[in-house]
Amino acid sequence: MKTSEEKSAFHALVPLLDDSLLSLREKECTALLLRFGENHSLREVRVAGGGERRHRPQASGQRWKS
């Protein structure tokens, strides 16, 4: 359970967070809300945003492919 001090600190941040989110492009704002508001994985956020999949390099030292 959150203390009243923690709740007050959060409520003080809400206007700052709102202003910051409004200053972002829609796609960036959506990505942040999916990731931190709805706890989606980075992969889910990338797919929802239409991002390309990147293949992870093998242990042999391959470079990332885009």
C-alpha atoms as a PDB file:
ATOM      1  CA  MET A   1       0.000   0.000   0.000  1.00  0.00           C
ATOM      2  CA  LYS A   2       1.302   3.445  -0.866  1.00  0.00           C
ATOM      3  CA  THR A   3       1.832   6.016   1.829  1.00  0.00           C
ATOM      4  CA  SER A   4       0.140   9.391   1.638  1.00  0.00           C
ATOM      5  CA  GLU A   5       3.576  10.898   0.940  1.00  0.00           C
ATOM      6  CA  GLU A   6       4.022   8.643  -2.108  1.00  0.00           C
ATOM      7  CA  LYS A   7       0.532   9.502  -3.336  1.00  0.00           C
ATOM      8  CA  SER A   8       1.235  13.231  -2.947  1.00  0.00           C
ATOM      9  CA  ALA A   9       4.503  12.918  -4.855  1.00  0.00           C
ATOM     10  CA  PHE A  10       2.731  11.070  -7.684  1.00  0.00           C
ATOM     11  CA  HIS A  11      -0.063  13.645  -7.883  1.00  0.00           C
ATOM     12  CA  ALA A  12       2.538  16.409  -8.074  1.00  0.00           C
ATOM     13  CA  LEU A  13       4.108  14.675 -11.080  1.00  0.00           C
ATOM     14  CA  VAL A  14       0.885  14.103 -13.022  1.00  0.00           C
ATOM     15  CA  PRO A  15       0.762  17.575 -14.659  1.00  0.00           C
ATOM     16  CA  LEU A  16       4.426  17.272 -15.662  1.00  0.00           C
ATOM     17  CA  LEU A  17       3.847  13.830 -17.146  1.00  0.00           C
ATOM     18  CA  ASP A  18       0.756  15.041 -19.008  1.00  0.00           C
ATOM     19  CA  ASP A  19       2.654  17.995 -20.497  1.00  0.00           C
ATOM     20  CA  SER A  20       5.547  15.754 -21.484  1.00  0.00           C
ATOM     21  CA  LEU A  21       3.288  13.193 -23.163  1.00  0.00           C
ATOM     22  CA  LEU A  22       1.446  15.926 -25.048  1.00  0.00           C
ATOM     23  CA  SER A  23       4.747  17.228 -26.416  1.00  0.00           C
ATOM     24  CA  LEU A  24       5.529  13.861 -28.052  1.00  0.00           C
ATOM     25  CA  ARG A  25       4.420  12.630 -31.441  1.00  0.00           C
ATOM     26  CA  GLU A  26       1.424  10.301 -31.294  1.00  0.00           C
ATOM     27  CA  LYS A  27       3.492   7.210 -32.094  1.00  0.00           C
ATOM     28  CA  GLU A  28       6.008   7.974 -29.323  1.00  0.00           C
ATOM     29  CA  CYS A  29       3.264   8.683 -26.799  1.00  0.00           C
ATOM     30  CA  THR A  30       1.489   5.441 -27.672  1.00  0.00           C
ATOM     31  CA  ALA A  31       4.722   3.475 -27.311  1.00  0.00           C
ATOM     32  CA  LEU A  32       5.346   4.883 -23.828  1.00  0.00           C
ATOM     33  CA  LEU A  33       1.790   4.230 -22.698  1.00  0.00           C
ATOM     34  CA  LEU A  34       1.896   0.660 -24.014  1.00  0.00           C
ATOM     35  CA  ARG A  35       5.257  -0.046 -22.410  1.00  0.00           C
ATOM     36  CA  PHE A  36       4.811   1.559 -19.016  1.00  0.00           C
ATOM     37  CA  GLY A  37       1.051   2.049 -18.690  1.00  0.00           C
ATOM     38  CA  GLU A  38      -0.034  -1.349 -19.949  1.00  0.00           C
ATOM     39  CA  ASN A  39       3.234  -3.208 -19.223  1.00  0.00           C
ATOM     40  CA  HIS A  40       3.765  -4.513 -22.772  1.00  0.00           C
ATOM     41  CA  SER A  41       7.138  -5.971 -23.718  1.00  0.00           C
ATOM     42  CA  LEU A  42       9.473  -4.008 -25.976  1.00  0.00           C
ATOM     43  CA  ARG A  43       8.756  -6.495 -28.733  1.00  0.00           C
ATOM     44  CA  GLU A  44       4.993  -5.966 -28.391  1.00  0.00           C
ATOM     45  CA  VAL A  45       5.461  -2.201 -28.474  1.00  0.00           C
ATOM     46  CA  ARG A  46       7.633  -2.433 -31.597  1.00  0.00           C
ATOM     47  CA  VAL A  47       5.111  -4.682 -33.369  1.00  0.00           C
ATOM     48  CA  ALA A  48       2.196  -2.418 -32.385  1.00  0.00           C
ATOM     49  CA  GLY A  49       4.101   0.543 -33.793  1.00  0.00           C
ATOM     50  CA  GLY A  50       4.743  -1.219 -37.079  1.00  0.00           C
ATOM     51  CA  GLY A  51       8.468  -1.558 -36.413  1.00  0.00           C
ATOM     52  CA  GLU A  52      10.612  -4.081 -38.187  1.00  0.00           C
ATOM     53  CA  ARG A  53      11.834  -7.159 -36.421  1.00  0.00           C
ATOM     54  CA  ARG A  54      15.553  -7.320 -35.898  1.00  0.00           C
ATOM     55  CA  HIS A  55      17.305 -10.637 -35.745  1.00  0.00           C
ATOM     56  CA  ARG A  56      19.543 -11.151 -32.770  1.00  0.00           C
ATOM     57  CA  PRO A  57      23.123 -12.023 -33.620  1.00  0.00           C
ATOM     58  CA  GLN A  58      24.351 -15.514 -32.922  1.00  0.00           C
ATOM     59  CA  ALA A  59      27.080 -16.137 -30.369  1.00  0.00           C
ATOM     60  CA  SER A  60      29.595 -16.167 -33.229  1.00  0.00           C
ATOM     61  CA  GLY A  61      29.768 -12.364 -33.135  1.00  0.00           C
ATOM     62  CA  GLN A  62      27.505 -11.498 -36.068  1.00  0.00           C
ATOM     63  CA  ARG A  63      26.384  -7.905 -36.346  1.00  0.00           C
ATOM     64  CA  TRP A  64      22.774  -6.845 -35.890  1.00  0.00           C
ATOM     65  CA  LYS A  65      20.691  -6.954 -39.049  1.00  0.00           C
ATOM     66  CA  SER A  66      18.145  -4.214 -39.609  1.00  0.00           C
END
